[in-house]
Protein backbone atom coordinates (compact mmCIF):
# COMPACT_ATOMS: atom_id res chain seq x y z
CA MET A 1 93.23 165.31 52.85
CA LYS A 2 89.92 163.68 52.67
CA GLN A 3 91.05 161.13 50.21
CA LEU A 4 94.16 160.78 52.73
CA LEU A 5 92.30 159.52 55.41
CA THR A 6 89.64 157.92 53.64
CA ALA A 7 93.11 155.61 52.76
CA LEU A 8 94.07 155.73 56.20
CA THR A 9 90.69 154.08 57.13
CA PHE A 10 90.61 151.46 54.53
CA GLY A 11 94.52 150.34 55.35
CA LEU A 12 93.28 149.99 59.22
CA ALA A 13 90.43 148.00 58.44
CA ALA A 14 92.58 145.81 56.09
CA VAL A 15 95.06 145.55 58.29
CA SER A 16 92.46 144.81 61.10
CA GLY A 17 91.32 142.00 58.90
CA LEU A 18 94.22 140.48 58.37
CA HIS A 19 94.56 140.31 62.49
CA ALA A 20 90.94 139.05 62.71
CA GLU A 21 92.16 136.08 60.44
CA ALA A 22 95.46 135.50 62.38
CA TRP A 23 96.09 131.58 62.17
CA PRO A 24 94.71 129.44 62.65
CA ALA A 25 91.48 131.17 61.75
CA ALA A 26 91.73 131.75 57.83
CA LYS A 27 91.33 128.17 56.68
CA PRO A 28 91.19 124.79 58.09
CA VAL A 29 94.68 123.41 59.40
CA THR A 30 95.21 119.91 57.00
CA LEU A 31 96.87 117.09 59.61
CA LEU A 32 98.44 114.81 56.83
CA VAL A 33 98.60 111.44 57.69
CA PRO A 34 100.37 109.80 54.73
CA PHE A 35 98.88 106.24 55.26
CA PRO A 36 95.05 104.66 54.59
CA PRO A 37 92.79 105.37 57.82
CA GLY A 38 92.92 102.91 60.49
CA GLY A 39 96.36 102.50 61.21
CA SER A 40 98.12 104.10 64.23
CA THR A 41 99.71 106.94 62.46
CA ASP A 42 95.80 107.49 61.45
CA LEU A 43 94.77 106.98 65.30
CA ILE A 44 97.17 109.50 66.35
CA ALA A 45 96.15 112.18 64.34
CA ARG A 46 92.37 111.80 64.97
CA ALA A 47 92.98 111.62 68.52
CA LEU A 48 94.65 114.87 68.41
CA SER A 49 92.83 116.59 66.01
CA PRO A 50 89.65 117.77 68.23
CA LYS A 51 92.33 118.68 70.93
CA LEU A 52 94.17 121.04 68.89
CA GLN A 53 90.99 122.86 67.92
CA GLU A 54 90.01 123.25 71.50
CA LYS A 55 93.45 124.62 72.45
CA LEU A 56 94.15 126.65 69.27
CA GLY A 57 90.54 127.48 67.69
CA GLY A 58 90.22 127.17 64.27
CA SER A 59 89.45 123.73 62.35
CA PHE A 60 91.77 120.89 62.30
CA VAL A 61 90.85 118.10 59.90
CA VAL A 62 93.05 114.70 58.94
CA GLN A 63 93.90 114.21 55.11
CA ASN A 64 95.14 110.72 54.19
CA GLN A 65 97.45 110.52 51.37
CA ALA A 66 98.94 107.71 51.18
CA GLY A 67 101.66 105.43 48.69
CA ALA A 68 104.64 104.28 48.23
CA GLY A 69 105.66 103.59 52.17
CA GLY A 70 104.38 107.00 53.31
CA THR A 71 106.93 108.98 50.76
CA VAL A 72 104.24 110.34 48.44
CA GLY A 73 102.43 112.15 51.61
CA ALA A 74 105.44 113.47 52.95
CA ALA A 75 106.67 114.85 49.67
CA ALA A 76 102.99 116.64 49.57
CA ALA A 77 103.78 117.85 52.98
CA LYS A 78 107.39 119.30 52.24
CA ARG A 79 105.53 121.19 48.97
CA ALA A 80 102.89 122.81 51.12
CA ALA A 81 103.46 126.46 52.42
CA PRO A 82 105.22 126.90 56.10
CA ASP A 83 102.53 128.81 57.37
CA GLY A 84 100.60 126.37 60.14
CA TYR A 85 98.36 125.19 57.60
CA THR A 86 99.50 121.74 56.94
CA ILE A 87 101.11 119.78 59.43
CA PHE A 88 102.99 116.21 58.73
CA VAL A 89 101.47 113.34 60.79
CA SER A 90 104.22 110.50 60.22
CA SER A 91 105.44 106.93 61.71
CA LEU A 92 109.22 106.56 61.76
CA GLY A 93 109.13 105.02 58.08
CA PRO A 94 108.90 108.08 55.81
CA PHE A 95 111.31 110.13 58.41
CA VAL A 96 114.28 107.39 58.64
CA ILE A 97 113.86 104.20 56.67
CA GLY A 98 112.37 105.00 53.57
CA PRO A 99 115.41 107.23 52.56
CA HIS A 100 117.44 104.31 52.56
CA LEU A 101 114.93 102.31 50.56
CA MET A 102 113.95 104.20 47.89
CA LYS A 103 116.39 105.61 44.91
CA SER A 104 115.17 108.88 44.57
CA LEU A 105 112.83 110.71 46.63
CA ALA A 106 110.89 114.33 46.35
CA TYR A 107 111.76 115.11 49.71
CA ASP A 108 114.94 115.37 52.18
CA PRO A 109 113.77 114.19 55.51
CA LEU A 110 116.68 115.96 57.45
CA LYS A 111 116.17 119.28 55.73
CA ASP A 112 112.81 119.91 54.79
CA PHE A 113 111.07 119.97 57.73
CA ASP A 114 110.49 121.97 61.07
CA TYR A 115 110.26 118.84 63.64
CA LEU A 116 107.44 119.65 66.26
CA THR A 117 107.37 116.63 68.85
CA VAL A 118 107.49 112.75 68.69
CA ALA A 119 103.92 112.05 69.80
CA VAL A 120 104.29 108.33 71.00
CA GLN A 121 106.49 105.64 70.27
CA ALA A 122 105.71 101.96 70.89
CA PRO A 123 108.07 98.59 71.14
CA ASN A 124 107.92 95.60 69.00
CA VAL A 125 107.18 91.96 71.04
CA LEU A 126 108.94 89.18 69.47
CA ALA A 127 106.07 86.85 69.44
CA VAL A 128 105.60 82.92 68.16
CA PRO A 129 101.87 81.06 67.85
CA ALA A 130 100.82 79.53 71.03
CA ALA A 131 101.72 76.12 69.82
CA SER A 132 105.28 76.95 68.90
CA PRO A 133 108.06 74.79 70.64
CA HIS A 134 110.08 78.06 71.16
CA LYS A 135 109.35 79.06 74.88
CA SER A 136 112.10 81.61 75.07
CA VAL A 137 114.69 83.70 73.38
CA ALA A 138 117.42 81.15 74.05
CA ASP A 139 115.33 78.65 71.99
CA VAL A 140 114.98 80.86 69.16
CA LEU A 141 119.06 81.83 69.24
CA ALA A 142 119.70 77.94 69.74
CA TYR A 143 117.56 76.70 66.98
CA GLU A 144 118.65 79.69 64.66
CA LYS A 145 122.36 78.91 65.16
CA ALA A 146 121.79 75.54 64.68
CA ASN A 147 119.52 75.94 61.62
CA PRO A 148 121.07 79.20 59.88
CA GLY A 149 118.52 80.99 57.69
CA LYS A 150 115.62 78.75 58.55
CA MET A 151 113.47 79.94 61.11
CA SER A 152 110.15 82.06 59.18
CA PHE A 153 109.91 85.38 60.45
CA ALA A 154 107.05 87.24 58.91
CA SER A 155 106.77 91.13 58.44
CA SER A 156 104.16 93.45 56.93
CA GLY A 157 106.77 94.01 54.22
CA ASN A 158 110.59 94.96 53.35
CA GLY A 159 111.29 97.96 55.01
CA SER A 160 108.80 97.72 57.75
CA SER A 161 109.74 98.10 61.37
CA ASP A 162 109.00 94.46 62.34
CA HIS A 163 111.43 93.79 59.12
CA LEU A 164 114.05 95.79 60.05
CA THR A 165 113.88 94.85 63.78
CA ALA A 166 114.52 91.17 62.85
CA GLU A 167 117.27 92.34 60.70
CA LEU A 168 118.91 93.92 63.78
CA PHE A 169 118.13 91.19 65.81
CA TRP A 170 120.23 89.09 63.74
CA GLN A 171 122.87 91.39 62.77
CA THR A 172 123.23 91.62 67.06
CA THR A 173 123.29 87.82 67.83
CA GLY A 174 125.23 86.44 64.74
CA THR A 175 122.35 84.19 63.59
CA THR A 176 120.30 84.31 60.33
CA GLY A 177 116.60 83.72 59.66
CA LEU A 178 114.17 83.65 56.90
CA HIS A 179 112.50 86.92 56.23
CA VAL A 180 108.75 86.00 54.60
CA PRO A 181 107.42 89.71 53.78
CA TYR A 182 103.73 90.37 53.63
CA LYS A 183 101.63 93.27 51.90
CA GLY A 184 100.63 94.63 55.08
CA GLY A 185 100.16 93.18 58.56
CA ALA A 186 97.06 91.48 58.53
CA PRO A 187 98.14 88.61 56.19
CA ALA A 188 101.31 88.65 58.02
CA MET A 189 99.22 88.10 61.57
CA SER A 190 96.81 85.53 59.82
CA ASP A 191 99.76 83.29 59.05
CA LEU A 192 101.83 83.79 62.21
CA LEU A 193 98.37 82.80 64.06
CA GLY A 194 98.07 79.64 61.47
CA SER A 195 102.11 78.53 61.98
CA GLN A 196 102.89 79.13 58.66
CA VAL A 197 105.31 81.58 59.79
CA GLU A 198 107.42 80.70 62.80
CA ALA A 199 108.04 84.56 64.35
CA SER A 200 107.77 88.12 64.32
CA PHE A 201 108.60 90.97 65.66
CA ILE A 202 105.06 92.61 65.84
CA ASN A 203 104.30 96.26 67.66
CA ILE A 204 102.71 95.53 70.73
CA ASN A 205 99.77 97.71 69.55
CA THR A 206 98.85 95.11 66.89
CA ALA A 207 100.02 91.89 68.79
CA TRP A 208 98.23 92.93 72.25
CA PRO A 209 94.73 91.19 71.44
CA ASN A 210 96.03 88.05 70.01
CA LEU A 211 98.85 87.61 73.12
CA LYS A 212 95.87 88.79 75.66
CA ALA A 213 93.69 85.80 74.08
CA GLY A 214 96.12 83.42 73.98
CA LYS A 215 96.58 82.96 70.61
CA LEU A 216 100.51 84.63 70.62
CA ARG A 217 103.17 83.79 73.14
CA ALA A 218 105.81 86.62 73.73
CA LEU A 219 109.19 85.80 74.07
CA ALA A 220 110.71 89.31 74.41
CA ILE A 221 109.91 92.91 74.21
CA THR A 222 112.38 96.05 72.60
CA SER A 223 111.71 98.77 75.00
CA ASP A 224 114.61 100.01 77.32
CA LYS A 225 111.90 98.49 80.37
CA ARG A 226 109.48 96.16 80.39
CA SER A 227 105.85 96.93 79.15
CA PRO A 228 103.03 97.74 81.87
CA LEU A 229 100.55 95.63 79.13
CA LEU A 230 103.30 92.91 79.57
CA PRO A 231 105.03 92.75 82.92
CA GLU A 232 106.14 89.39 82.69
CA VAL A 233 107.91 89.80 79.45
CA PRO A 234 111.75 90.25 79.57
CA THR A 235 113.33 92.93 77.09
CA LEU A 236 116.47 91.73 74.82
CA ALA A 237 118.60 93.99 77.04
CA GLU A 238 117.68 92.21 80.39
CA LEU A 239 118.55 89.09 78.19
CA GLY A 240 121.60 89.63 77.23
CA ILE A 241 121.20 91.39 74.00
CA LYS A 242 122.35 94.59 73.62
CA GLY A 243 121.44 97.44 70.88
CA VAL A 244 118.34 96.05 69.98
CA THR A 245 116.08 98.42 71.85
CA VAL A 246 113.54 99.49 68.79
CA TYR A 247 110.75 101.48 69.11
CA SER A 248 107.92 102.61 65.96
CA TRP A 249 106.82 106.40 66.83
CA GLN A 250 104.44 108.56 65.28
CA ALA A 251 105.53 112.63 65.23
CA PHE A 252 104.42 115.71 63.96
CA ALA A 253 106.77 117.77 61.72
CA ALA A 254 106.05 120.87 59.31
CA PRO A 255 107.28 122.64 56.23
CA LYS A 256 110.44 124.26 56.74
CA GLY A 257 110.21 127.85 57.52
CA LEU A 258 107.04 127.48 60.01
CA PRO A 259 107.19 130.69 61.94
CA ALA A 260 108.45 130.88 65.42
CA ASP A 261 105.24 131.80 67.03
CA ILE A 262 103.25 129.28 65.59
CA LYS A 263 105.41 126.29 65.93
CA ALA A 264 105.77 127.11 70.00
CA LYS A 265 101.63 127.50 69.76
CA LEU A 266 101.40 124.08 68.03
CA HIS A 267 104.27 122.59 70.19
CA GLU A 268 102.20 123.34 73.55
CA ALA A 269 99.36 122.39 72.19
CA LEU A 270 100.60 119.04 70.94
CA VAL A 271 101.89 118.18 74.74
CA ALA A 272 98.70 119.34 76.18
CA GLY A 273 96.60 117.12 73.84
CA LEU A 274 98.80 114.17 74.52
CA SER A 275 98.20 114.88 78.25
CA ASP A 276 94.93 115.23 78.31
CA PRO A 277 92.82 112.86 80.48
CA GLN A 278 90.57 111.98 77.41
CA VAL A 279 93.35 111.06 75.50
CA LYS A 280 96.43 109.89 77.53
CA PRO A 281 94.78 107.00 78.96
CA LYS A 282 92.96 105.53 75.88
CA LEU A 283 96.63 105.78 74.37
CA LEU A 284 98.29 103.94 77.02
CA GLU A 285 95.58 100.98 77.32
CA LEU A 286 96.72 100.65 73.18
CA GLY A 287 100.22 100.44 74.42
CA PHE A 288 101.45 103.73 73.33
CA GLU A 289 104.31 105.22 75.46
CA ILE A 290 103.62 109.30 75.70
CA VAL A 291 106.59 110.81 74.15
CA ALA A 292 105.70 114.48 73.52
CA ASN A 293 109.49 115.83 73.16
CA THR A 294 110.83 119.42 72.20
CA PRO A 295 111.31 119.91 68.78
CA GLU A 296 115.64 120.32 69.76
CA GLN A 297 115.12 116.47 71.21
CA PHE A 298 113.01 115.52 68.25
CA THR A 299 115.92 117.01 65.69
CA ALA A 300 118.40 115.03 67.86
CA PHE A 301 116.64 111.91 67.70
CA GLN A 302 115.55 112.03 63.71
CA ALA A 303 119.47 112.22 63.32
CA ALA A 304 120.29 109.52 65.66
CA GLU A 305 117.50 107.25 63.93
CA PHE A 306 118.62 107.79 60.72
CA ALA A 307 121.93 106.81 60.51
CA ARG A 308 121.47 103.61 63.06
CA TRP A 309 118.92 102.20 60.22
CA LYS A 310 120.95 103.28 57.13
CA GLN A 311 123.40 101.24 58.80
CA VAL A 312 120.76 97.98 59.53
CA ILE A 313 119.66 98.36 55.81
CA GLU A 314 122.93 98.94 53.98
CA GLN A 315 124.61 95.94 56.31
CA GLY A 316 121.56 93.57 55.32
CA LYS A 317 121.34 94.78 51.67
CA ILE A 318 117.90 95.27 52.13
CA THR A 319 116.17 96.94 49.68
CA ALA A 320 112.23 98.28 48.72
CA ASP A 321 111.39 95.38 46.49
């Protein structure tokens, strides 16, 4: 009897210890960002990390694991245990673009993740150097129709959001331009400012400082309504170009199989963090729009975006090279 009581006591102590180490107390939660530090995705992860910690307790740390357009980090996130201790924070690239550019991936973006929320989105701006002769989208279209394939558009690389937006613009308007890919946004911006290239569909976060300084001219924006940062700049839809409403976005997901209670807590904390008065105004000032949608909405959005960019990439015969 004494042995039985001792065993029960140890059993209860073990159970009590397990409860004491309930998520997320057992170890740090990793916010896995598949890009180098300093970019938009890294910024979002680091802005929300302390808010998740405040709301949920435990410790939340950002880990950058870059490579192959974010697909290396996505594969690492897929391999992680679905226990709430690895959260994947990514832009749209690994979710809906990379899968159509890479011949073989170590993950399936439609099946290997539990979607938590699209945190923010930001449109692209059709920008030209301040000295450009093109003063409107009508000017650009007229020039492209008269000079097929000659007007140069810079991008941060093959398959990037700025590249695909230009491709979609050409496909929609029946025009062609010259795509000039760079190894990253900085050299693309440098050559655009120097008029070595004629235009680019730049993310508003990247374009904003040079637009504000008068070094670039915005001709149109790819959002569904005008941006508070650029209220004088029309949307492409306003100009009669439908179907080129494009956003870059940052989202949170987890390895497939995340327990429902942890999923609910994470989603609630992420939404709270995005509306926090220390976070939201700063994001809005940078041109981000808060989305904070539900897991179900993110799942439907992911499927729609996946199909959309697949079509653009296949029609444009775009490769990662």
